[in-house]
């Protein structure tokens, strides 16, 4: 006896979660305006890192003679991916944070704490930008395998911290403006008159 496939309707007594695998593979339309400059810079640096690491692997294990500059440049590119990627995370608000206590706070206290965290983060980014700028000014050495000053890396990290601070300010201001617009849109109840 053969069984014909039928569409199953989810039952209310089912304890297993319904998983939609097709939704995981839905492609969103690509739009340039959904991404910022740090997204594209990180993409270029990341693909450069992939190329350099592949070149290092190829020369070491296929040709038997490793290229000397690839290890150092790969290390510096990885540092840049980390810091420029952090600016992406600040813009999107995807840095790791503990959200447990926010769920048990009143809404006004959660907003106040969130604002305090944003302000402290912006101050931290600005302070680290200043520190790395001063460090870059005092660094006079050259990279070991290529004839480039090490200060170039420190200035790039400084620029990433400046971008993190700018994106933090943008995020704080846009969130406060959105909250203000949301309060203005609320209908006035007749009890408040």
C-alpha atoms as a PDB file:
ATOM      1  CA  UNK A   1       0.000   0.000   0.000  1.00  0.00           C
ATOM      2  CA  UNK A   2       1.510   3.290  -1.045  1.00  0.00           C
ATOM      3  CA  UNK A   3       0.993   6.491   0.823  1.00  0.00           C
ATOM      4  CA  UNK A   4       0.497   9.768  -0.949  1.00  0.00           C
ATOM      5  CA  UNK A   5       2.268  12.775   0.490  1.00  0.00           C
ATOM      6  CA  UNK A   6      -0.049  15.183   2.175  1.00  0.00           C
ATOM      7  CA  UNK A   7       0.539  18.624   3.519  1.00  0.00           C
ATOM      8  CA  UNK A   8       0.754  18.490   7.247  1.00  0.00           C
ATOM      9  CA  UNK A   9      -0.799  21.234   9.227  1.00  0.00           C
ATOM     10  CA  UNK A  10       0.968  22.058  12.463  1.00  0.00           C
ATOM     11  CA  UNK A  11      -0.975  20.761  15.401  1.00  0.00           C
ATOM     12  CA  UNK A  12      -1.258  22.557  18.676  1.00  0.00           C
ATOM     13  CA  UNK A  13      -0.277  19.398  20.575  1.00  0.00           C
ATOM     14  CA  UNK A  14       3.058  19.090  18.777  1.00  0.00           C
ATOM     15  CA  UNK A  15       6.009  19.801  21.067  1.00  0.00           C
ATOM     16  CA  UNK A  16       8.660  19.892  18.359  1.00  0.00           C
ATOM     17  CA  UNK A  17       9.526  23.276  16.884  1.00  0.00           C
ATOM     18  CA  UNK A  18       8.702  23.808  13.251  1.00  0.00           C
ATOM     19  CA  UNK A  19      11.867  24.444  11.268  1.00  0.00           C
ATOM     20  CA  UNK A  20      11.665  26.195   7.933  1.00  0.00           C
ATOM     21  CA  UNK A  21      14.862  25.253   6.112  1.00  0.00           C
ATOM     22  CA  UNK A  22      13.894  27.165   2.974  1.00  0.00           C
ATOM     23  CA  UNK A  23      13.781  30.397   4.943  1.00  0.00           C
ATOM     24  CA  UNK A  24      17.434  29.975   5.913  1.00  0.00           C
ATOM     25  CA  UNK A  25      18.431  30.001   2.250  1.00  0.00           C
ATOM     26  CA  UNK A  26      16.277  32.906   1.109  1.00  0.00           C
ATOM     27  CA  UNK A  27      18.456  35.477  -0.527  1.00  0.00           C
ATOM     28  CA  UNK A  28      17.754  39.094   0.169  1.00  0.00           C
ATOM     29  CA  UNK A  29      18.206  41.540  -2.646  1.00  0.00           C
ATOM     30  CA  UNK A  30      21.621  43.153  -2.523  1.00  0.00           C
ATOM     31  CA  UNK A  31      21.514  46.928  -2.196  1.00  0.00           C
ATOM     32  CA  UNK A  32      24.633  49.062  -1.904  1.00  0.00           C
ATOM     33  CA  UNK A  33      22.895  51.500   0.442  1.00  0.00           C
ATOM     34  CA  UNK A  34      22.445  48.773   3.073  1.00  0.00           C
ATOM     35  CA  UNK A  35      26.203  48.741   3.623  1.00  0.00           C
ATOM     36  CA  UNK A  36      28.664  51.406   4.703  1.00  0.00           C
ATOM     37  CA  UNK A  37      32.229  52.195   3.735  1.00  0.00           C
ATOM     38  CA  UNK A  38      33.680  50.009   6.506  1.00  0.00           C
ATOM     39  CA  UNK A  39      31.821  46.996   5.123  1.00  0.00           C
ATOM     40  CA  UNK A  40      33.519  47.339   1.750  1.00  0.00           C
ATOM     41  CA  UNK A  41      36.947  48.110   3.242  1.00  0.00           C
ATOM     42  CA  UNK A  42      36.675  45.056   5.491  1.00  0.00           C
ATOM     43  CA  UNK A  43      35.684  42.938   2.497  1.00  0.00           C
ATOM     44  CA  UNK A  44      38.745  44.072   0.522  1.00  0.00           C
ATOM     45  CA  UNK A  45      41.100  43.541   3.495  1.00  0.00           C
ATOM     46  CA  UNK A  46      39.561  40.132   4.193  1.00  0.00           C
ATOM     47  CA  UNK A  47      40.026  38.941   0.606  1.00  0.00           C
ATOM     48  CA  UNK A  48      43.579  40.296   0.672  1.00  0.00           C
ATOM     49  CA  UNK A  49      44.149  38.233   3.803  1.00  0.00           C
ATOM     50  CA  UNK A  50      42.773  35.133   2.080  1.00  0.00           C
ATOM     51  CA  UNK A  51      45.076  35.720  -0.896  1.00  0.00           C
ATOM     52  CA  UNK A  52      48.166  36.230   1.285  1.00  0.00           C
ATOM     53  CA  UNK A  53      47.458  33.137   3.416  1.00  0.00           C
ATOM     54  CA  UNK A  54      46.866  31.051   0.282  1.00  0.00           C
ATOM     55  CA  UNK A  55      50.115  32.383  -1.185  1.00  0.00           C
ATOM     56  CA  UNK A  56      51.929  31.455   2.026  1.00  0.00           C
ATOM     57  CA  UNK A  57      50.459  27.948   1.959  1.00  0.00           C
ATOM     58  CA  UNK A  58      51.237  27.505  -1.740  1.00  0.00           C
ATOM     59  CA  UNK A  59      54.846  28.668  -1.492  1.00  0.00           C
ATOM     60  CA  UNK A  60      55.544  26.671   1.679  1.00  0.00           C
ATOM     61  CA  UNK A  61      53.916  23.337   0.875  1.00  0.00           C
ATOM     62  CA  UNK A  62      53.824  23.233  -2.932  1.00  0.00           C
ATOM     63  CA  UNK A  63      57.005  25.077  -3.895  1.00  0.00           C
ATOM     64  CA  UNK A  64      58.909  24.087  -0.742  1.00  0.00           C
ATOM     65  CA  UNK A  65      60.263  27.612  -0.155  1.00  0.00           C
ATOM     66  CA  UNK A  66      58.087  29.936   1.908  1.00  0.00           C
ATOM     67  CA  UNK A  67      57.790  33.592   0.915  1.00  0.00           C
ATOM     68  CA  UNK A  68      59.158  35.613   3.818  1.00  0.00           C
ATOM     69  CA  UNK A  69      56.734  38.519   3.900  1.00  0.00           C
ATOM     70  CA  UNK A  70      53.435  36.598   3.863  1.00  0.00           C
ATOM     71  CA  UNK A  71      53.330  35.697   7.572  1.00  0.00           C
ATOM     72  CA  UNK A  72      53.867  39.252   8.776  1.00  0.00           C
ATOM     73  CA  UNK A  73      51.453  40.801   6.274  1.00  0.00           C
ATOM     74  CA  UNK A  74      48.799  38.176   7.107  1.00  0.00           C
ATOM     75  CA  UNK A  75      49.126  39.083  10.780  1.00  0.00           C
ATOM     76  CA  UNK A  76      48.658  42.800  10.062  1.00  0.00           C
ATOM     77  CA  UNK A  77      45.728  42.169   7.721  1.00  0.00           C
ATOM     78  CA  UNK A  78      44.042  40.067  10.397  1.00  0.00           C
ATOM     79  CA  UNK A  79      44.467  42.936  12.876  1.00  0.00           C
ATOM     80  CA  UNK A  80      42.869  45.319  10.386  1.00  0.00           C
ATOM     81  CA  UNK A  81      39.943  42.966   9.742  1.00  0.00           C
ATOM     82  CA  UNK A  82      39.329  42.804  13.484  1.00  0.00           C
ATOM     83  CA  UNK A  83      39.360  46.538  14.079  1.00  0.00           C
ATOM     84  CA  UNK A  84      37.515  47.641  10.949  1.00  0.00           C
ATOM     85  CA  UNK A  85      35.014  44.840  11.544  1.00  0.00           C
ATOM     86  CA  UNK A  86      34.487  46.265  15.037  1.00  0.00           C
ATOM     87  CA  UNK A  87      33.357  49.519  13.433  1.00  0.00           C
ATOM     88  CA  UNK A  88      30.797  47.469  11.481  1.00  0.00           C
ATOM     89  CA  UNK A  89      29.615  45.880  14.723  1.00  0.00           C
ATOM     90  CA  UNK A  90      29.253  49.285  16.410  1.00  0.00           C
ATOM     91  CA  UNK A  91      27.161  50.594  13.509  1.00  0.00           C
ATOM     92  CA  UNK A  92      24.874  47.558  13.573  1.00  0.00           C
ATOM     93  CA  UNK A  93      24.810  47.253  17.359  1.00  0.00           C
ATOM     94  CA  UNK A  94      25.997  43.646  17.277  1.00  0.00           C
ATOM     95  CA  UNK A  95      28.822  43.771  19.810  1.00  0.00           C
ATOM     96  CA  UNK A  96      28.525  41.157  22.516  1.00  0.00           C
ATOM     97  CA  UNK A  97      26.630  42.345  25.565  1.00  0.00           C
ATOM     98  CA  UNK A  98      24.834  40.860  28.533  1.00  0.00           C
ATOM     99  CA  UNK A  99      21.105  41.331  27.977  1.00  0.00           C
ATOM    100  CA  UNK A 100      19.899  39.297  30.939  1.00  0.00           C
ATOM    101  CA  UNK A 101      19.281  42.218  33.312  1.00  0.00           C
ATOM    102  CA  UNK A 102      17.608  44.363  30.656  1.00  0.00           C
ATOM    103  CA  UNK A 103      14.691  41.925  30.548  1.00  0.00           C
ATOM    104  CA  UNK A 104      13.966  42.402  34.253  1.00  0.00           C
ATOM    105  CA  UNK A 105      14.268  46.196  34.382  1.00  0.00           C
ATOM    106  CA  UNK A 106      11.558  48.750  33.816  1.00  0.00           C
ATOM    107  CA  UNK A 107      11.682  50.175  30.285  1.00  0.00           C
ATOM    108  CA  UNK A 108      12.850  53.634  31.409  1.00  0.00           C
ATOM    109  CA  UNK A 109      15.748  52.144  33.406  1.00  0.00           C
ATOM    110  CA  UNK A 110      16.778  49.880  30.514  1.00  0.00           C
ATOM    111  CA  UNK A 111      16.840  52.897  28.157  1.00  0.00           C
ATOM    112  CA  UNK A 112      18.861  54.920  30.679  1.00  0.00           C
ATOM    113  CA  UNK A 113      21.343  52.103  31.207  1.00  0.00           C
ATOM    114  CA  UNK A 114      21.615  51.553  27.455  1.00  0.00           C
ATOM    115  CA  UNK A 115      22.367  55.255  26.950  1.00  0.00           C
ATOM    116  CA  UNK A 116      25.017  55.140  29.690  1.00  0.00           C
ATOM    117  CA  UNK A 117      26.642  52.095  28.091  1.00  0.00           C
ATOM    118  CA  UNK A 118      26.662  53.852  24.694  1.00  0.00           C
ATOM    119  CA  UNK A 119      28.247  57.007  26.142  1.00  0.00           C
ATOM    120  CA  UNK A 120      30.917  55.042  28.019  1.00  0.00           C
ATOM    121  CA  UNK A 121      31.643  53.023  24.852  1.00  0.00           C
ATOM    122  CA  UNK A 122      31.999  56.197  22.765  1.00  0.00           C
ATOM    123  CA  UNK A 123      34.363  57.677  25.363  1.00  0.00           C
ATOM    124  CA  UNK A 124      36.362  54.429  25.361  1.00  0.00           C
ATOM    125  CA  UNK A 125      36.678  54.445  21.563  1.00  0.00           C
ATOM    126  CA  UNK A 126      37.739  58.099  21.565  1.00  0.00           C
ATOM    127  CA  UNK A 127      40.320  57.485  24.298  1.00  0.00           C
ATOM    128  CA  UNK A 128      41.785  54.505  22.442  1.00  0.00           C
ATOM    129  CA  UNK A 129      41.899  56.542  19.229  1.00  0.00           C
ATOM    130  CA  UNK A 130      43.962  59.151  21.063  1.00  0.00           C
ATOM    131  CA  UNK A 131      46.253  56.504  22.580  1.00  0.00           C
ATOM    132  CA  UNK A 132      46.872  54.759  19.247  1.00  0.00           C
ATOM    133  CA  UNK A 133      47.450  58.117  17.535  1.00  0.00           C
ATOM    134  CA  UNK A 134      50.141  58.981  20.080  1.00  0.00           C
ATOM    135  CA  UNK A 135      51.621  55.487  19.813  1.00  0.00           C
ATOM    136  CA  UNK A 136      51.753  55.745  16.023  1.00  0.00           C
ATOM    137  CA  UNK A 137      53.571  59.076  16.303  1.00  0.00           C
ATOM    138  CA  UNK A 138      56.225  57.524  18.549  1.00  0.00           C
ATOM    139  CA  UNK A 139      56.670  54.358  16.467  1.00  0.00           C
ATOM    140  CA  UNK A 140      59.600  54.792  14.145  1.00  0.00           C
ATOM    141  CA  UNK A 141      60.439  51.207  13.303  1.00  0.00           C
ATOM    142  CA  UNK A 142      59.907  49.476  10.019  1.00  0.00           C
ATOM    143  CA  UNK A 143      58.124  46.208   9.381  1.00  0.00           C
ATOM    144  CA  UNK A 144      60.541  43.291   9.320  1.00  0.00           C
ATOM    145  CA  UNK A 145      59.893  41.802   5.911  1.00  0.00           C
ATOM    146  CA  UNK A 146      58.634  44.798   3.914  1.00  0.00           C
ATOM    147  CA  UNK A 147      59.908  48.347   3.787  1.00  0.00           C
ATOM    148  CA  UNK A 148      56.826  49.986   5.352  1.00  0.00           C
ATOM    149  CA  UNK A 149      56.746  51.859   8.684  1.00  0.00           C
ATOM    150  CA  UNK A 150      54.895  50.105  11.507  1.00  0.00           C
ATOM    151  CA  UNK A 151      53.155  53.382  12.282  1.00  0.00           C
ATOM    152  CA  UNK A 152      50.939  52.815   9.211  1.00  0.00           C
ATOM    153  CA  UNK A 153      49.271  49.931  11.050  1.00  0.00           C
ATOM    154  CA  UNK A 154      48.782  52.045  14.186  1.00  0.00           C
ATOM    155  CA  UNK A 155      47.281  54.900  12.180  1.00  0.00           C
ATOM    156  CA  UNK A 156      44.863  52.439  10.548  1.00  0.00           C
ATOM    157  CA  UNK A 157      43.835  51.140  13.986  1.00  0.00           C
ATOM    158  CA  UNK A 158      43.439  54.758  15.137  1.00  0.00           C
ATOM    159  CA  UNK A 159      41.168  55.450  12.163  1.00  0.00           C
ATOM    160  CA  UNK A 160      39.114  52.370  13.061  1.00  0.00           C
ATOM    161  CA  UNK A 161      38.672  53.651  16.635  1.00  0.00           C
ATOM    162  CA  UNK A 162      37.631  57.069  15.325  1.00  0.00           C
ATOM    163  CA  UNK A 163      35.109  55.375  13.044  1.00  0.00           C
ATOM    164  CA  UNK A 164      33.828  53.313  15.987  1.00  0.00           C
ATOM    165  CA  UNK A 165      33.302  56.504  18.005  1.00  0.00           C
ATOM    166  CA  UNK A 166      31.524  58.211  15.096  1.00  0.00           C
ATOM    167  CA  UNK A 167      29.292  55.182  14.496  1.00  0.00           C
ATOM    168  CA  UNK A 168      28.551  55.007  18.228  1.00  0.00           C
ATOM    169  CA  UNK A 169      27.426  58.646  18.245  1.00  0.00           C
ATOM    170  CA  UNK A 170      25.318  58.068  15.135  1.00  0.00           C
ATOM    171  CA  UNK A 171      23.700  55.033  16.717  1.00  0.00           C
ATOM    172  CA  UNK A 172      22.959  56.846  19.973  1.00  0.00           C
ATOM    173  CA  UNK A 173      21.476  59.878  18.232  1.00  0.00           C
ATOM    174  CA  UNK A 174      19.381  57.829  15.800  1.00  0.00           C
ATOM    175  CA  UNK A 175      18.031  55.649  18.589  1.00  0.00           C
ATOM    176  CA  UNK A 176      17.100  58.686  20.703  1.00  0.00           C
ATOM    177  CA  UNK A 177      15.393  60.345  17.714  1.00  0.00           C
ATOM    178  CA  UNK A 178      13.469  57.148  16.959  1.00  0.00           C
ATOM    179  CA  UNK A 179      12.309  56.948  20.569  1.00  0.00           C
ATOM    180  CA  UNK A 180      11.224  60.592  20.452  1.00  0.00           C
ATOM    181  CA  UNK A 181       9.251  59.994  17.239  1.00  0.00           C
ATOM    182  CA  UNK A 182       7.636  56.935  18.784  1.00  0.00           C
ATOM    183  CA  UNK A 183       6.529  58.951  21.824  1.00  0.00           C
ATOM    184  CA  UNK A 184       5.101  61.680  19.578  1.00  0.00           C
ATOM    185  CA  UNK A 185       3.087  59.122  17.555  1.00  0.00           C
ATOM    186  CA  UNK A 186       1.344  57.662  20.581  1.00  0.00           C
ATOM    187  CA  UNK A 187      -2.318  58.622  20.690  1.00  0.00           C
ATOM    188  CA  UNK A 188      -3.334  60.892  23.521  1.00  0.00           C
ATOM    189  CA  UNK A 189      -5.693  59.053  25.832  1.00  0.00           C
ATOM    190  CA  UNK A 190      -8.847  60.736  27.121  1.00  0.00           C
ATOM    191  CA  UNK A 191      -7.822  59.904  30.721  1.00  0.00           C
ATOM    192  CA  UNK A 192      -4.877  62.302  30.606  1.00  0.00           C
ATOM    193  CA  UNK A 193      -7.099  65.351  30.026  1.00  0.00           C
END
